[in-house]
């Protein structure tokens, strides 16, 4: 069984990445706000069904909520990108978001961004 405090810490990190309150996440997952609070504080384990609902609401996977390390950091980055893209209302906003997130990824992982094709 995974450490309950690790799961809670990850839920909180992903929730905060998407600027959601505990109440916002509770509403998306159809649970009481106290349930989210108890999970984040390490007081209780979420059920598998709830963990799946939380992962979906936070644009991530169950794996990323129960693990730590480099894979978790990559999942956090991807979740942020997917969340930003999901909030785009039109194609120009989407294009700008994709450019910005590409720059973030390149900086985060030390990848040189290639120039425009000639």
C-alpha atoms as a PDB file:
ATOM      1  CA  UNK A   1       0.000   0.000   0.000  1.00  0.00           C
ATOM      2  CA  UNK A   2       1.320   3.444  -0.891  1.00  0.00           C
ATOM      3  CA  UNK A   3       2.067   6.020   1.770  1.00  0.00           C
ATOM      4  CA  UNK A   4      -1.156   7.925   2.421  1.00  0.00           C
ATOM      5  CA  UNK A   5       0.754  11.177   2.984  1.00  0.00           C
ATOM      6  CA  UNK A   6       2.463  10.844  -0.440  1.00  0.00           C
ATOM      7  CA  UNK A   7      -0.906  10.450  -2.153  1.00  0.00           C
ATOM      8  CA  UNK A   8      -2.289  13.455  -0.288  1.00  0.00           C
ATOM      9  CA  UNK A   9       0.753  15.569  -1.120  1.00  0.00           C
ATOM     10  CA  UNK A  10       0.450  14.678  -4.810  1.00  0.00           C
ATOM     11  CA  UNK A  11      -3.280  15.412  -4.924  1.00  0.00           C
ATOM     12  CA  UNK A  12      -2.585  18.820  -3.394  1.00  0.00           C
ATOM     13  CA  UNK A  13       0.273  19.570  -5.847  1.00  0.00           C
ATOM     14  CA  UNK A  14      -1.855  18.735  -8.875  1.00  0.00           C
ATOM     15  CA  UNK A  15      -4.889  20.569  -7.456  1.00  0.00           C
ATOM     16  CA  UNK A  16      -2.883  23.714  -6.832  1.00  0.00           C
ATOM     17  CA  UNK A  17      -1.300  23.497 -10.292  1.00  0.00           C
ATOM     18  CA  UNK A  18      -4.793  23.891 -11.740  1.00  0.00           C
ATOM     19  CA  UNK A  19      -5.747  26.714  -9.337  1.00  0.00           C
ATOM     20  CA  UNK A  20      -8.511  24.631  -7.795  1.00  0.00           C
ATOM     21  CA  UNK A  21      -9.677  24.889  -4.210  1.00  0.00           C
ATOM     22  CA  UNK A  22     -10.415  21.772  -2.206  1.00  0.00           C
ATOM     23  CA  UNK A  23     -14.088  22.613  -2.694  1.00  0.00           C
ATOM     24  CA  UNK A  24     -13.649  22.880  -6.484  1.00  0.00           C
ATOM     25  CA  UNK A  25     -12.045  19.435  -6.592  1.00  0.00           C
ATOM     26  CA  UNK A  26     -14.704  17.993  -4.289  1.00  0.00           C
ATOM     27  CA  UNK A  27     -17.456  19.270  -6.585  1.00  0.00           C
ATOM     28  CA  UNK A  28     -15.740  17.787  -9.669  1.00  0.00           C
ATOM     29  CA  UNK A  29     -15.430  14.432  -7.868  1.00  0.00           C
ATOM     30  CA  UNK A  30     -18.908  14.503  -6.278  1.00  0.00           C
ATOM     31  CA  UNK A  31     -17.617  14.170  -2.701  1.00  0.00           C
ATOM     32  CA  UNK A  32     -17.632  16.338   0.404  1.00  0.00           C
ATOM     33  CA  UNK A  33     -14.850  18.884   0.777  1.00  0.00           C
ATOM     34  CA  UNK A  34     -13.857  17.121   4.014  1.00  0.00           C
ATOM     35  CA  UNK A  35     -13.046  14.017   1.986  1.00  0.00           C
ATOM     36  CA  UNK A  36     -10.525  15.938  -0.142  1.00  0.00           C
ATOM     37  CA  UNK A  37      -9.121  17.627   2.964  1.00  0.00           C
ATOM     38  CA  UNK A  38      -8.638  14.269   4.716  1.00  0.00           C
ATOM     39  CA  UNK A  39      -6.895  12.809   1.672  1.00  0.00           C
ATOM     40  CA  UNK A  40      -4.560  15.789   1.338  1.00  0.00           C
ATOM     41  CA  UNK A  41      -3.769  15.742   5.062  1.00  0.00           C
ATOM     42  CA  UNK A  42      -2.939  12.039   4.942  1.00  0.00           C
ATOM     43  CA  UNK A  43      -5.801  11.068   7.246  1.00  0.00           C
ATOM     44  CA  UNK A  44      -7.402   8.596   4.834  1.00  0.00           C
ATOM     45  CA  UNK A  45      -6.788   6.696   1.621  1.00  0.00           C
ATOM     46  CA  UNK A  46      -9.120   7.454  -1.260  1.00  0.00           C
ATOM     47  CA  UNK A  47     -10.973   4.514  -2.770  1.00  0.00           C
ATOM     48  CA  UNK A  48      -9.761   3.423  -6.195  1.00  0.00           C
ATOM     49  CA  UNK A  49     -12.904   4.888  -7.782  1.00  0.00           C
ATOM     50  CA  UNK A  50     -12.325   8.229  -6.075  1.00  0.00           C
ATOM     51  CA  UNK A  51      -8.627   8.175  -6.996  1.00  0.00           C
ATOM     52  CA  UNK A  52      -9.658   7.671 -10.642  1.00  0.00           C
ATOM     53  CA  UNK A  53     -12.121  10.590 -10.400  1.00  0.00           C
ATOM     54  CA  UNK A  54      -9.458  12.816  -8.834  1.00  0.00           C
ATOM     55  CA  UNK A  55      -6.933  11.894 -11.540  1.00  0.00           C
ATOM     56  CA  UNK A  56      -9.441  12.714 -14.278  1.00  0.00           C
ATOM     57  CA  UNK A  57     -10.365  16.034 -12.683  1.00  0.00           C
ATOM     58  CA  UNK A  58      -6.669  16.947 -12.450  1.00  0.00           C
ATOM     59  CA  UNK A  59      -5.764  15.865 -16.013  1.00  0.00           C
ATOM     60  CA  UNK A  60      -3.403  13.149 -14.843  1.00  0.00           C
ATOM     61  CA  UNK A  61      -3.184   9.428 -14.103  1.00  0.00           C
ATOM     62  CA  UNK A  62      -3.650   7.410 -10.943  1.00  0.00           C
ATOM     63  CA  UNK A  63       0.038   6.420 -11.196  1.00  0.00           C
ATOM     64  CA  UNK A  64       1.116  10.032 -10.941  1.00  0.00           C
ATOM     65  CA  UNK A  65      -0.920  10.456  -7.749  1.00  0.00           C
ATOM     66  CA  UNK A  66       0.633   7.440  -6.004  1.00  0.00           C
ATOM     67  CA  UNK A  67       4.303   7.807  -6.980  1.00  0.00           C
ATOM     68  CA  UNK A  68       7.103  10.279  -6.501  1.00  0.00           C
ATOM     69  CA  UNK A  69      10.352  11.057  -8.272  1.00  0.00           C
ATOM     70  CA  UNK A  70      11.164  12.098 -11.828  1.00  0.00           C
ATOM     71  CA  UNK A  71       8.148  10.407 -13.418  1.00  0.00           C
ATOM     72  CA  UNK A  72       5.916  12.366 -11.082  1.00  0.00           C
ATOM     73  CA  UNK A  73       7.569  15.646 -12.106  1.00  0.00           C
ATOM     74  CA  UNK A  74       7.017  14.822 -15.778  1.00  0.00           C
ATOM     75  CA  UNK A  75       3.375  13.960 -15.062  1.00  0.00           C
ATOM     76  CA  UNK A  76       2.960  17.248 -13.199  1.00  0.00           C
ATOM     77  CA  UNK A  77       4.345  19.131 -16.204  1.00  0.00           C
ATOM     78  CA  UNK A  78       2.105  17.278 -18.659  1.00  0.00           C
ATOM     79  CA  UNK A  79      -0.945  17.792 -16.440  1.00  0.00           C
ATOM     80  CA  UNK A  80      -0.318  21.526 -16.392  1.00  0.00           C
ATOM     81  CA  UNK A  81      -0.071  21.618 -20.163  1.00  0.00           C
ATOM     82  CA  UNK A  82      -3.221  19.573 -20.715  1.00  0.00           C
ATOM     83  CA  UNK A  83      -5.109  21.737 -18.236  1.00  0.00           C
ATOM     84  CA  UNK A  84      -4.035  24.937 -19.997  1.00  0.00           C
ATOM     85  CA  UNK A  85      -4.996  23.528 -23.390  1.00  0.00           C
ATOM     86  CA  UNK A  86      -8.388  22.374 -22.087  1.00  0.00           C
ATOM     87  CA  UNK A  87      -9.183  25.918 -20.960  1.00  0.00           C
ATOM     88  CA  UNK A  88      -8.505  27.469 -24.402  1.00  0.00           C
ATOM     89  CA  UNK A  89     -11.579  28.988 -26.031  1.00  0.00           C
ATOM     90  CA  UNK A  90     -10.331  29.535 -29.582  1.00  0.00           C
ATOM     91  CA  UNK A  91      -7.601  28.541 -32.017  1.00  0.00           C
ATOM     92  CA  UNK A  92      -5.418  31.641 -31.556  1.00  0.00           C
ATOM     93  CA  UNK A  93      -5.470  31.164 -27.778  1.00  0.00           C
ATOM     94  CA  UNK A  94      -4.633  27.481 -28.309  1.00  0.00           C
ATOM     95  CA  UNK A  95      -1.703  28.351 -30.594  1.00  0.00           C
ATOM     96  CA  UNK A  96      -0.317  30.839 -28.054  1.00  0.00           C
ATOM     97  CA  UNK A  97      -0.706  28.319 -25.245  1.00  0.00           C
ATOM     98  CA  UNK A  98       1.117  25.648 -27.244  1.00  0.00           C
ATOM     99  CA  UNK A  99       4.014  28.028 -27.938  1.00  0.00           C
ATOM    100  CA  UNK A 100       4.276  29.003 -24.281  1.00  0.00           C
ATOM    101  CA  UNK A 101       4.130  25.431 -23.045  1.00  0.00           C
ATOM    102  CA  UNK A 102       6.748  24.338 -25.563  1.00  0.00           C
ATOM    103  CA  UNK A 103       9.098  26.961 -24.138  1.00  0.00           C
ATOM    104  CA  UNK A 104       8.347  25.793 -20.591  1.00  0.00           C
ATOM    105  CA  UNK A 105       9.079  22.178 -21.492  1.00  0.00           C
ATOM    106  CA  UNK A 106      12.312  23.082 -23.266  1.00  0.00           C
ATOM    107  CA  UNK A 107      13.531  25.088 -20.268  1.00  0.00           C
ATOM    108  CA  UNK A 108      12.422  22.471 -17.734  1.00  0.00           C
ATOM    109  CA  UNK A 109      14.093  19.551 -19.481  1.00  0.00           C
ATOM    110  CA  UNK A 110      17.079  21.380 -20.977  1.00  0.00           C
ATOM    111  CA  UNK A 111      16.058  20.862 -24.584  1.00  0.00           C
ATOM    112  CA  UNK A 112      17.025  23.403 -27.237  1.00  0.00           C
ATOM    113  CA  UNK A 113      14.078  24.665 -29.184  1.00  0.00           C
ATOM    114  CA  UNK A 114      14.607  24.321 -32.920  1.00  0.00           C
ATOM    115  CA  UNK A 115      14.070  27.294 -35.213  1.00  0.00           C
ATOM    116  CA  UNK A 116      11.428  27.552 -37.886  1.00  0.00           C
ATOM    117  CA  UNK A 117      11.821  25.321 -40.903  1.00  0.00           C
ATOM    118  CA  UNK A 118      13.271  27.046 -43.939  1.00  0.00           C
END
